[in-house]
Amino acid sequence: MTSDPLAILEEKVNKALTVIGTLKTERDQLQKEIQQLKRENRKLQDQLAEQAKSSQQDRTLAEENQRLSQAQDEAKRRLADIVAKLEKYQD
């Protein structure tokens, strides 16, 4: 090992520059990964929102189906009453 202070300083600067270059490369790679993860996150949030919307539509349709079923049952009951009354007069 040399005891020349300038040579030692130059060696340390070269090592520091190598580390800085490595860190910049890693930073760039991490920034790309962050951007990719943000895109994936946005896509998943959009899918979740779509599923929530679909789920709400399913609930709305189920409620409408229940109302229509109740109306149908009421109509059947009333028609049965009418038929029963007509059958009384038929005798």
PDB file of N, CA and C in Angstrom:
ATOM      1  N   MET A   1       0.848  -1.176   0.000  1.00  0.00           N
ATOM      2  CA  MET A   1       0.000   0.000   0.000  1.00  0.00           C
ATOM      3  C   MET A   1       0.891   1.235   0.000  1.00  0.00           C
ATOM      4  N   THR A   2       0.466   2.185  -0.757  1.00  0.00           N
ATOM      5  CA  THR A   2       1.257   3.408  -0.869  1.00  0.00           C
ATOM      6  C   THR A   2       0.874   4.395   0.218  1.00  0.00           C
ATOM      7  N   SER A   3       1.805   5.202   0.591  1.00  0.00           N
ATOM      8  CA  SER A   3       1.541   6.191   1.631  1.00  0.00           C
ATOM      9  C   SER A   3       1.359   7.578   1.043  1.00  0.00           C
ATOM     10  N   ASP A   4       1.269   7.641  -0.279  1.00  0.00           N
ATOM     11  CA  ASP A   4       1.071   8.923  -0.954  1.00  0.00           C
ATOM     12  C   ASP A   4      -0.348   9.409  -0.660  1.00  0.00           C
ATOM     13  N   PRO A   5      -0.484  10.547   0.043  1.00  0.00           N
ATOM     14  CA  PRO A   5      -1.814  11.041   0.410  1.00  0.00           C
ATOM     15  C   PRO A   5      -2.710  11.308  -0.801  1.00  0.00           C
ATOM     16  N   LEU A   6      -2.153  11.778  -1.893  1.00  0.00           N
ATOM     17  CA  LEU A   6      -2.975  12.035  -3.083  1.00  0.00           C
ATOM     18  C   LEU A   6      -3.461  10.737  -3.701  1.00  0.00           C
ATOM     19  N   ALA A   7      -2.636   9.722  -3.684  1.00  0.00           N
ATOM     20  CA  ALA A   7      -3.028   8.423  -4.224  1.00  0.00           C
ATOM     21  C   ALA A   7      -4.135   7.812  -3.365  1.00  0.00           C
ATOM     22  N   ILE A   8      -3.991   7.950  -2.054  1.00  0.00           N
ATOM     23  CA  ILE A   8      -5.022   7.440  -1.136  1.00  0.00           C
ATOM     24  C   ILE A   8      -6.326   8.189  -1.364  1.00  0.00           C
ATOM     25  N   LEU A   9      -6.231   9.506  -1.471  1.00  0.00           N
ATOM     26  CA  LEU A   9      -7.421  10.331  -1.719  1.00  0.00           C
ATOM     27  C   LEU A   9      -8.063   9.959  -3.043  1.00  0.00           C
ATOM     28  N   GLU A  10      -7.237   9.764  -4.085  1.00  0.00           N
ATOM     29  CA  GLU A  10      -7.767   9.394  -5.393  1.00  0.00           C
ATOM     30  C   GLU A  10      -8.481   8.041  -5.336  1.00  0.00           C
ATOM     31  N   GLU A  11      -7.901   7.100  -4.627  1.00  0.00           N
ATOM     32  CA  GLU A  11      -8.506   5.777  -4.474  1.00  0.00           C
ATOM     33  C   GLU A  11      -9.850   5.876  -3.757  1.00  0.00           C
ATOM     34  N   LYS A  12      -9.892   6.681  -2.694  1.00  0.00           N
ATOM     35  CA  LYS A  12     -11.145   6.850  -1.937  1.00  0.00           C
ATOM     36  C   LYS A  12     -12.204   7.553  -2.786  1.00  0.00           C
ATOM     37  N   VAL A  13     -11.787   8.539  -3.571  1.00  0.00           N
ATOM     38  CA  VAL A  13     -12.730   9.245  -4.452  1.00  0.00           C
ATOM     39  C   VAL A  13     -13.267   8.280  -5.505  1.00  0.00           C
ATOM     40  N   ASN A  14     -12.399   7.454  -6.066  1.00  0.00           N
ATOM     41  CA  ASN A  14     -12.840   6.484  -7.076  1.00  0.00           C
ATOM     42  C   ASN A  14     -13.838   5.488  -6.480  1.00  0.00           C
ATOM     43  N   LYS A  15     -13.560   5.020  -5.268  1.00  0.00           N
ATOM     44  CA  LYS A  15     -14.494   4.113  -4.594  1.00  0.00           C
ATOM     45  C   LYS A  15     -15.823   4.812  -4.335  1.00  0.00           C
ATOM     46  N   ALA A  16     -15.752   6.069  -3.900  1.00  0.00           N
ATOM     47  CA  ALA A  16     -16.974   6.832  -3.631  1.00  0.00           C
ATOM     48  C   ALA A  16     -17.775   7.010  -4.913  1.00  0.00           C
ATOM     49  N   LEU A  17     -17.098   7.300  -6.014  1.00  0.00           N
ATOM     50  CA  LEU A  17     -17.789   7.463  -7.292  1.00  0.00           C
ATOM     51  C   LEU A  17     -18.437   6.155  -7.739  1.00  0.00           C
ATOM     52  N   THR A  18     -17.766   5.045  -7.495  1.00  0.00           N
ATOM     53  CA  THR A  18     -18.334   3.739  -7.825  1.00  0.00           C
ATOM     54  C   THR A  18     -19.602   3.485  -7.008  1.00  0.00           C
ATOM     55  N   VAL A  19     -19.525   3.790  -5.710  1.00  0.00           N
ATOM     56  CA  VAL A  19     -20.689   3.610  -4.839  1.00  0.00           C
ATOM     57  C   VAL A  19     -21.821   4.527  -5.284  1.00  0.00           C
ATOM     58  N   ILE A  20     -21.490   5.768  -5.612  1.00  0.00           N
ATOM     59  CA  ILE A  20     -22.510   6.729  -6.067  1.00  0.00           C
ATOM     60  C   ILE A  20     -23.170   6.224  -7.344  1.00  0.00           C
ATOM     61  N   GLY A  21     -22.368   5.713  -8.273  1.00  0.00           N
ATOM     62  CA  GLY A  21     -22.924   5.171  -9.522  1.00  0.00           C
ATOM     63  C   GLY A  21     -23.856   4.002  -9.245  1.00  0.00           C
ATOM     64  N   THR A  22     -23.454   3.107  -8.333  1.00  0.00           N
ATOM     65  CA  THR A  22     -24.290   1.968  -7.972  1.00  0.00           C
ATOM     66  C   THR A  22     -25.594   2.437  -7.337  1.00  0.00           C
ATOM     67  N   LEU A  23     -25.488   3.402  -6.442  1.00  0.00           N
ATOM     68  CA  LEU A  23     -26.684   3.921  -5.781  1.00  0.00           C
ATOM     69  C   LEU A  23     -27.636   4.588  -6.771  1.00  0.00           C
ATOM     70  N   LYS A  24     -27.102   5.317  -7.737  1.00  0.00           N
ATOM     71  CA  LYS A  24     -27.954   5.952  -8.751  1.00  0.00           C
ATOM     72  C   LYS A  24     -28.682   4.895  -9.584  1.00  0.00           C
ATOM     73  N   THR A  25     -27.957   3.839  -9.938  1.00  0.00           N
ATOM     74  CA  THR A  25     -28.573   2.758 -10.706  1.00  0.00           C
ATOM     75  C   THR A  25     -29.696   2.106  -9.904  1.00  0.00           C
ATOM     76  N   GLU A  26     -29.422   1.841  -8.636  1.00  0.00           N
ATOM     77  CA  GLU A  26     -30.445   1.244  -7.765  1.00  0.00           C
ATOM     78  C   GLU A  26     -31.638   2.183  -7.607  1.00  0.00           C
ATOM     79  N   ARG A  27     -31.367   3.488  -7.453  1.00  0.00           N
ATOM     80  CA  ARG A  27     -32.447   4.466  -7.329  1.00  0.00           C
ATOM     81  C   ARG A  27     -33.328   4.471  -8.572  1.00  0.00           C
ATOM     82  N   ASP A  28     -32.693   4.454  -9.742  1.00  0.00           N
ATOM     83  CA  ASP A  28     -33.453   4.444 -10.995  1.00  0.00           C
ATOM     84  C   ASP A  28     -34.318   3.196 -11.097  1.00  0.00           C
ATOM     85  N   GLN A  29     -33.745   2.074 -10.706  1.00  0.00           N
ATOM     86  CA  GLN A  29     -34.494   0.818 -10.750  1.00  0.00           C
ATOM     87  C   GLN A  29     -35.671   0.863  -9.774  1.00  0.00           C
ATOM     88  N   LEU A  30     -35.434   1.389  -8.591  1.00  0.00           N
ATOM     89  CA  LEU A  30     -36.513   1.488  -7.595  1.00  0.00           C
ATOM     90  C   LEU A  30     -37.609   2.449  -8.058  1.00  0.00           C
ATOM     91  N   GLN A  31     -37.227   3.539  -8.714  1.00  0.00           N
ATOM     92  CA  GLN A  31     -38.229   4.469  -9.226  1.00  0.00           C
ATOM     93  C   GLN A  31     -39.095   3.807 -10.294  1.00  0.00           C
ATOM     94  N   LYS A  32     -38.476   2.968 -11.134  1.00  0.00           N
ATOM     95  CA  LYS A  32     -39.251   2.236 -12.137  1.00  0.00           C
ATOM     96  C   LYS A  32     -40.212   1.263 -11.457  1.00  0.00           C
ATOM     97  N   GLU A  33     -39.740   0.592 -10.423  1.00  0.00           N
ATOM     98  CA  GLU A  33     -40.592  -0.342  -9.692  1.00  0.00           C
ATOM     99  C   GLU A  33     -41.748   0.400  -9.028  1.00  0.00           C
ATOM    100  N   ILE A  34     -41.470   1.572  -8.482  1.00  0.00           N
ATOM    101  CA  ILE A  34     -42.521   2.374  -7.846  1.00  0.00           C
ATOM    102  C   ILE A  34     -43.588   2.753  -8.864  1.00  0.00           C
ATOM    103  N   GLN A  35     -43.155   3.175 -10.042  1.00  0.00           N
ATOM    104  CA  GLN A  35     -44.111   3.544 -11.092  1.00  0.00           C
ATOM    105  C   GLN A  35     -44.958   2.345 -11.495  1.00  0.00           C
ATOM    106  N   GLN A  36     -44.322   1.183 -11.625  1.00  0.00           N
ATOM    107  CA  GLN A  36     -45.061  -0.036 -11.969  1.00  0.00           C
ATOM    108  C   GLN A  36     -46.069  -0.379 -10.883  1.00  0.00           C
ATOM    109  N   LEU A  37     -45.645  -0.287  -9.640  1.00  0.00           N
ATOM    110  CA  LEU A  37     -46.547  -0.586  -8.525  1.00  0.00           C
ATOM    111  C   LEU A  37     -47.703   0.413  -8.464  1.00  0.00           C
ATOM    112  N   LYS A  38     -47.427   1.663  -8.784  1.00  0.00           N
ATOM    113  CA  LYS A  38     -48.504   2.665  -8.813  1.00  0.00           C
ATOM    114  C   LYS A  38     -49.523   2.327  -9.900  1.00  0.00           C
ATOM    115  N   ARG A  39     -49.032   1.890 -11.071  1.00  0.00           N
ATOM    116  CA  ARG A  39     -49.953   1.503 -12.146  1.00  0.00           C
ATOM    117  C   ARG A  39     -50.794   0.299 -11.732  1.00  0.00           C
ATOM    118  N   GLU A  40     -50.137  -0.685 -11.124  1.00  0.00           N
ATOM    119  CA  GLU A  40     -50.869  -1.867 -10.660  1.00  0.00           C
ATOM    120  C   GLU A  40     -51.883  -1.491  -9.585  1.00  0.00           C
ATOM    121  N   ASN A  41     -51.486  -0.601  -8.686  1.00  0.00           N
ATOM    122  CA  ASN A  41     -52.384  -0.144  -7.625  1.00  0.00           C
ATOM    123  C   ASN A  41     -53.610   0.541  -8.227  1.00  0.00           C
ATOM    124  N   ARG A  42     -53.378   1.422  -9.209  1.00  0.00           N
ATOM    125  CA  ARG A  42     -54.491   2.109  -9.870  1.00  0.00           C
ATOM    126  C   ARG A  42     -55.428   1.107 -10.532  1.00  0.00           C
ATOM    127  N   LYS A  43     -54.832   0.117 -11.202  1.00  0.00           N
ATOM    128  CA  LYS A  43     -55.632  -0.901 -11.887  1.00  0.00           C
ATOM    129  C   LYS A  43     -56.476  -1.686 -10.878  1.00  0.00           C
ATOM    130  N   LEU A  44     -55.870  -2.071  -9.762  1.00  0.00           N
ATOM    131  CA  LEU A  44     -56.604  -2.816  -8.737  1.00  0.00           C
ATOM    132  C   LEU A  44     -57.695  -1.961  -8.094  1.00  0.00           C
ATOM    133  N   GLN A  45     -57.407  -0.682  -7.882  1.00  0.00           N
ATOM    134  CA  GLN A  45     -58.432   0.204  -7.325  1.00  0.00           C
ATOM    135  C   GLN A  45     -59.607   0.349  -8.288  1.00  0.00           C
ATOM    136  N   ASP A  46     -59.304   0.440  -9.579  1.00  0.00           N
ATOM    137  CA  ASP A  46     -60.371   0.516 -10.580  1.00  0.00           C
ATOM    138  C   ASP A  46     -61.208  -0.756 -10.577  1.00  0.00           C
ATOM    139  N   GLN A  47     -60.538  -1.909 -10.477  1.00  0.00           N
ATOM    140  CA  GLN A  47     -61.262  -3.181 -10.433  1.00  0.00           C
ATOM    141  C   GLN A  47     -62.129  -3.266  -9.186  1.00  0.00           C
ATOM    142  N   LEU A  48     -61.592  -2.805  -8.062  1.00  0.00           N
ATOM    143  CA  LEU A  48     -62.349  -2.831  -6.816  1.00  0.00           C
ATOM    144  C   LEU A  48     -63.574  -1.922  -6.911  1.00  0.00           C
ATOM    145  N   ALA A  49     -63.395  -0.754  -7.488  1.00  0.00           N
ATOM    146  CA  ALA A  49     -64.521   0.163  -7.660  1.00  0.00           C
ATOM    147  C   ALA A  49     -65.578  -0.457  -8.570  1.00  0.00           C
ATOM    148  N   GLU A  50     -65.146  -1.128  -9.625  1.00  0.00           N
ATOM    149  CA  GLU A  50     -66.076  -1.775 -10.549  1.00  0.00           C
ATOM    150  C   GLU A  50     -66.835  -2.896  -9.843  1.00  0.00           C
ATOM    151  N   GLN A  51     -66.127  -3.650  -9.010  1.00  0.00           N
ATOM    152  CA  GLN A  51     -66.777  -4.727  -8.267  1.00  0.00           C
ATOM    153  C   GLN A  51     -67.779  -4.167  -7.262  1.00  0.00           C
ATOM    154  N   ALA A  52     -67.424  -3.062  -6.626  1.00  0.00           N
ATOM    155  CA  ALA A  52     -68.353  -2.435  -5.677  1.00  0.00           C
ATOM    156  C   ALA A  52     -69.599  -1.952  -6.412  1.00  0.00           C
ATOM    157  N   LYS A  53     -69.396  -1.374  -7.581  1.00  0.00           N
ATOM    158  CA  LYS A  53     -70.528  -0.903  -8.394  1.00  0.00           C
ATOM    159  C   LYS A  53     -71.399  -2.085  -8.796  1.00  0.00           C
ATOM    160  N   SER A  54     -70.772  -3.159  -9.237  1.00  0.00           N
ATOM    161  CA  SER A  54     -71.497  -4.355  -9.636  1.00  0.00           C
ATOM    162  C   SER A  54     -72.258  -4.949  -8.450  1.00  0.00           C
ATOM    163  N   SER A  55     -71.616  -4.954  -7.305  1.00  0.00           N
ATOM    164  CA  SER A  55     -72.254  -5.480  -6.099  1.00  0.00           C
ATOM    165  C   SER A  55     -73.488  -4.648  -5.738  1.00  0.00           C
ATOM    166  N   GLN A  56     -73.375  -3.327  -5.876  1.00  0.00           N
ATOM    167  CA  GLN A  56     -74.516  -2.455  -5.602  1.00  0.00           C
ATOM    168  C   GLN A  56     -75.634  -2.728  -6.598  1.00  0.00           C
ATOM    169  N   GLN A  57     -75.282  -2.934  -7.852  1.00  0.00           N
ATOM    170  CA  GLN A  57     -76.289  -3.240  -8.862  1.00  0.00           C
ATOM    171  C   GLN A  57     -76.966  -4.566  -8.541  1.00  0.00           C
ATOM    172  N   ASP A  58     -76.185  -5.542  -8.081  1.00  0.00           N
ATOM    173  CA  ASP A  58     -76.762  -6.835  -7.692  1.00  0.00           C
ATOM    174  C   ASP A  58     -77.758  -6.664  -6.550  1.00  0.00           C
ATOM    175  N   ARG A  59     -77.394  -5.845  -5.557  1.00  0.00           N
ATOM    176  CA  ARG A  59     -78.309  -5.598  -4.431  1.00  0.00           C
ATOM    177  C   ARG A  59     -79.580  -4.905  -4.903  1.00  0.00           C
ATOM    178  N   THR A  60     -79.420  -3.944  -5.801  1.00  0.00           N
ATOM    179  CA  THR A  60     -80.576  -3.223  -6.329  1.00  0.00           C
ATOM    180  C   THR A  60     -81.491  -4.173  -7.096  1.00  0.00           C
ATOM    181  N   LEU A  61     -80.893  -5.029  -7.920  1.00  0.00           N
ATOM    182  CA  LEU A  61     -81.692  -5.999  -8.663  1.00  0.00           C
ATOM    183  C   LEU A  61     -82.386  -6.992  -7.729  1.00  0.00           C
ATOM    184  N   ALA A  62     -81.702  -7.410  -6.681  1.00  0.00           N
ATOM    185  CA  ALA A  62     -82.312  -8.339  -5.720  1.00  0.00           C
ATOM    186  C   ALA A  62     -83.490  -7.673  -5.015  1.00  0.00           C
ATOM    187  N   GLU A  63     -83.342  -6.404  -4.661  1.00  0.00           N
ATOM    188  CA  GLU A  63     -84.450  -5.680  -4.028  1.00  0.00           C
ATOM    189  C   GLU A  63     -85.629  -5.539  -4.983  1.00  0.00           C
ATOM    190  N   GLU A  64     -85.345  -5.220  -6.237  1.00  0.00           N
ATOM    191  CA  GLU A  64     -86.405  -5.081  -7.240  1.00  0.00           C
ATOM    192  C   GLU A  64     -87.093  -6.431  -7.459  1.00  0.00           C
ATOM    193  N   ASN A  65     -86.308  -7.486  -7.494  1.00  0.00           N
ATOM    194  CA  ASN A  65     -86.864  -8.826  -7.643  1.00  0.00           C
ATOM    195  C   ASN A  65     -87.792  -9.153  -6.467  1.00  0.00           C
ATOM    196  N   GLN A  66     -87.370  -8.794  -5.270  1.00  0.00           N
ATOM    197  CA  GLN A  66     -88.202  -9.032  -4.082  1.00  0.00           C
ATOM    198  C   GLN A  66     -89.516  -8.262  -4.177  1.00  0.00           C
ATOM    199  N   ARG A  67     -89.439  -6.988  -4.596  1.00  0.00           N
ATOM    200  CA  ARG A  67     -90.662  -6.181  -4.735  1.00  0.00           C
ATOM    201  C   ARG A  67     -91.608  -6.783  -5.780  1.00  0.00           C
ATOM    202  N   LEU A  68     -91.027  -7.197  -6.920  1.00  0.00           N
ATOM    203  CA  LEU A  68     -91.858  -7.783  -7.968  1.00  0.00           C
ATOM    204  C   LEU A  68     -92.477  -9.105  -7.519  1.00  0.00           C
ATOM    205  N   SER A  69     -91.722  -9.885  -6.783  1.00  0.00           N
ATOM    206  CA  SER A  69     -92.235 -11.147  -6.266  1.00  0.00           C
ATOM    207  C   SER A  69     -93.401 -10.904  -5.300  1.00  0.00           C
ATOM    208  N   GLN A  70     -93.248  -9.905  -4.446  1.00  0.00           N
ATOM    209  CA  GLN A  70     -94.324  -9.567  -3.514  1.00  0.00           C
ATOM    210  C   GLN A  70     -95.554  -9.073  -4.275  1.00  0.00           C
ATOM    211  N   ALA A  71     -95.331  -8.254  -5.303  1.00  0.00           N
ATOM    212  CA  ALA A  71     -96.454  -7.767  -6.109  1.00  0.00           C
ATOM    213  C   ALA A  71     -97.139  -8.928  -6.823  1.00  0.00           C
ATOM    214  N   GLN A  72     -96.352  -9.868  -7.312  1.00  0.00           N
ATOM    215  CA  GLN A  72     -96.916 -11.033  -7.980  1.00  0.00           C
ATOM    216  C   GLN A  72     -97.740 -11.870  -6.994  1.00  0.00           C
ATOM    217  N   ASP A  73     -97.216 -12.065  -5.790  1.00  0.00           N
ATOM    218  CA  ASP A  73     -97.950 -12.818  -4.775  1.00  0.00           C
ATOM    219  C   ASP A  73     -99.263 -12.122  -4.427  1.00  0.00           C
ATOM    220  N   GLU A  74     -99.219 -10.793  -4.335  1.00  0.00           N
ATOM    221  CA  GLU A  74    -100.431 -10.025  -4.030  1.00  0.00           C
ATOM    222  C   GLU A  74    -101.448 -10.160  -5.166  1.00  0.00           C
ATOM    223  N   ALA A  75    -100.955 -10.096  -6.415  1.00  0.00           N
ATOM    224  CA  ALA A  75    -101.859 -10.231  -7.559  1.00  0.00           C
ATOM    225  C   ALA A  75    -102.487 -11.625  -7.581  1.00  0.00           C
ATOM    226  N   LYS A  76    -101.706 -12.662  -7.290  1.00  0.00           N
ATOM    227  CA  LYS A  76    -102.243 -14.029  -7.237  1.00  0.00           C
ATOM    228  C   LYS A  76    -103.315 -14.138  -6.166  1.00  0.00           C
ATOM    229  N   ARG A  77    -103.049 -13.550  -5.002  1.00  0.00           N
ATOM    230  CA  ARG A  77    -104.018 -13.606  -3.910  1.00  0.00           C
ATOM    231  C   ARG A  77    -105.320 -12.909  -4.298  1.00  0.00           C
ATOM    232  N   ARG A  78    -105.183 -11.732  -4.906  1.00  0.00           N
ATOM    233  CA  ARG A  78    -106.385 -10.992  -5.295  1.00  0.00           C
ATOM    234  C   ARG A  78    -107.157 -11.719  -6.393  1.00  0.00           C
ATOM    235  N   LEU A  79    -106.426 -12.301  -7.365  1.00  0.00           N
ATOM    236  CA  LEU A  79    -107.097 -13.061  -8.418  1.00  0.00           C
ATOM    237  C   LEU A  79    -107.800 -14.289  -7.844  1.00  0.00           C
ATOM    238  N   ALA A  80    -107.171 -14.938  -6.878  1.00  0.00           N
ATOM    239  CA  ALA A  80    -107.801 -16.096  -6.239  1.00  0.00           C
ATOM    240  C   ALA A  80    -109.082 -15.660  -5.531  1.00  0.00           C
ATOM    241  N   ASP A  81    -109.067 -14.493  -4.884  1.00  0.00           N
ATOM    242  CA  ASP A  81    -110.276 -13.969  -4.233  1.00  0.00           C
ATOM    243  C   ASP A  81    -111.374 -13.689  -5.257  1.00  0.00           C
ATOM    244  N   ILE A  82    -110.989 -13.099  -6.380  1.00  0.00           N
ATOM    245  CA  ILE A  82    -111.962 -12.784  -7.434  1.00  0.00           C
ATOM    246  C   ILE A  82    -112.563 -14.072  -7.991  1.00  0.00           C
ATOM    247  N   VAL A  83    -111.702 -15.064  -8.262  1.00  0.00           N
ATOM    248  CA  VAL A  83    -112.185 -16.343  -8.786  1.00  0.00           C
ATOM    249  C   VAL A  83    -113.124 -16.993  -7.774  1.00  0.00           C
ATOM    250  N   ALA A  84    -112.762 -16.936  -6.494  1.00  0.00           N
ATOM    251  CA  ALA A  84    -113.620 -17.528  -5.454  1.00  0.00           C
ATOM    252  C   ALA A  84    -114.978 -16.836  -5.441  1.00  0.00           C
ATOM    253  N   LYS A  85    -115.006 -15.507  -5.562  1.00  0.00           N
ATOM    254  CA  LYS A  85    -116.270 -14.773  -5.582  1.00  0.00           C
ATOM    255  C   LYS A  85    -117.097 -15.132  -6.809  1.00  0.00           C
ATOM    256  N   LEU A  86    -116.449 -15.252  -7.956  1.00  0.00           N
ATOM    257  CA  LEU A  86    -117.152 -15.610  -9.183  1.00  0.00           C
ATOM    258  C   LEU A  86    -117.724 -17.015  -9.098  1.00  0.00           C
ATOM    259  N   GLU A  87    -116.978 -17.915  -8.477  1.00  0.00           N
ATOM    260  CA  GLU A  87    -117.463 -19.297  -8.331  1.00  0.00           C
ATOM    261  C   GLU A  87    -118.671 -19.343  -7.426  1.00  0.00           C
ATOM    262  N   LYS A  88    -118.779 -18.444  -6.445  1.00  0.00           N
ATOM    263  CA  LYS A  88    -119.967 -18.375  -5.581  1.00  0.00           C
ATOM    264  C   LYS A  88    -121.201 -18.021  -6.396  1.00  0.00           C
ATOM    265  N   TYR A  89    -121.040 -17.086  -7.321  1.00  0.00           N
ATOM    266  CA  TYR A  89    -122.187 -16.652  -8.112  1.00  0.00           C
ATOM    267  C   TYR A  89    -122.518 -17.631  -9.230  1.00  0.00           C
ATOM    268  N   GLN A  90    -121.571 -18.479  -9.552  1.00  0.00           N
ATOM    269  CA  GLN A  90    -121.792 -19.431 -10.625  1.00  0.00           C
ATOM    270  C   GLN A  90    -122.746 -20.538 -10.148  1.00  0.00           C
ATOM    271  N   ASP A  91    -122.741 -20.865  -8.915  1.00  0.00           N
ATOM    272  CA  ASP A  91    -123.569 -21.955  -8.382  1.00  0.00           C
ATOM    273  C   ASP A  91    -124.990 -21.603  -8.379  1.00  0.00           C
TER     274      ASP A  91
END
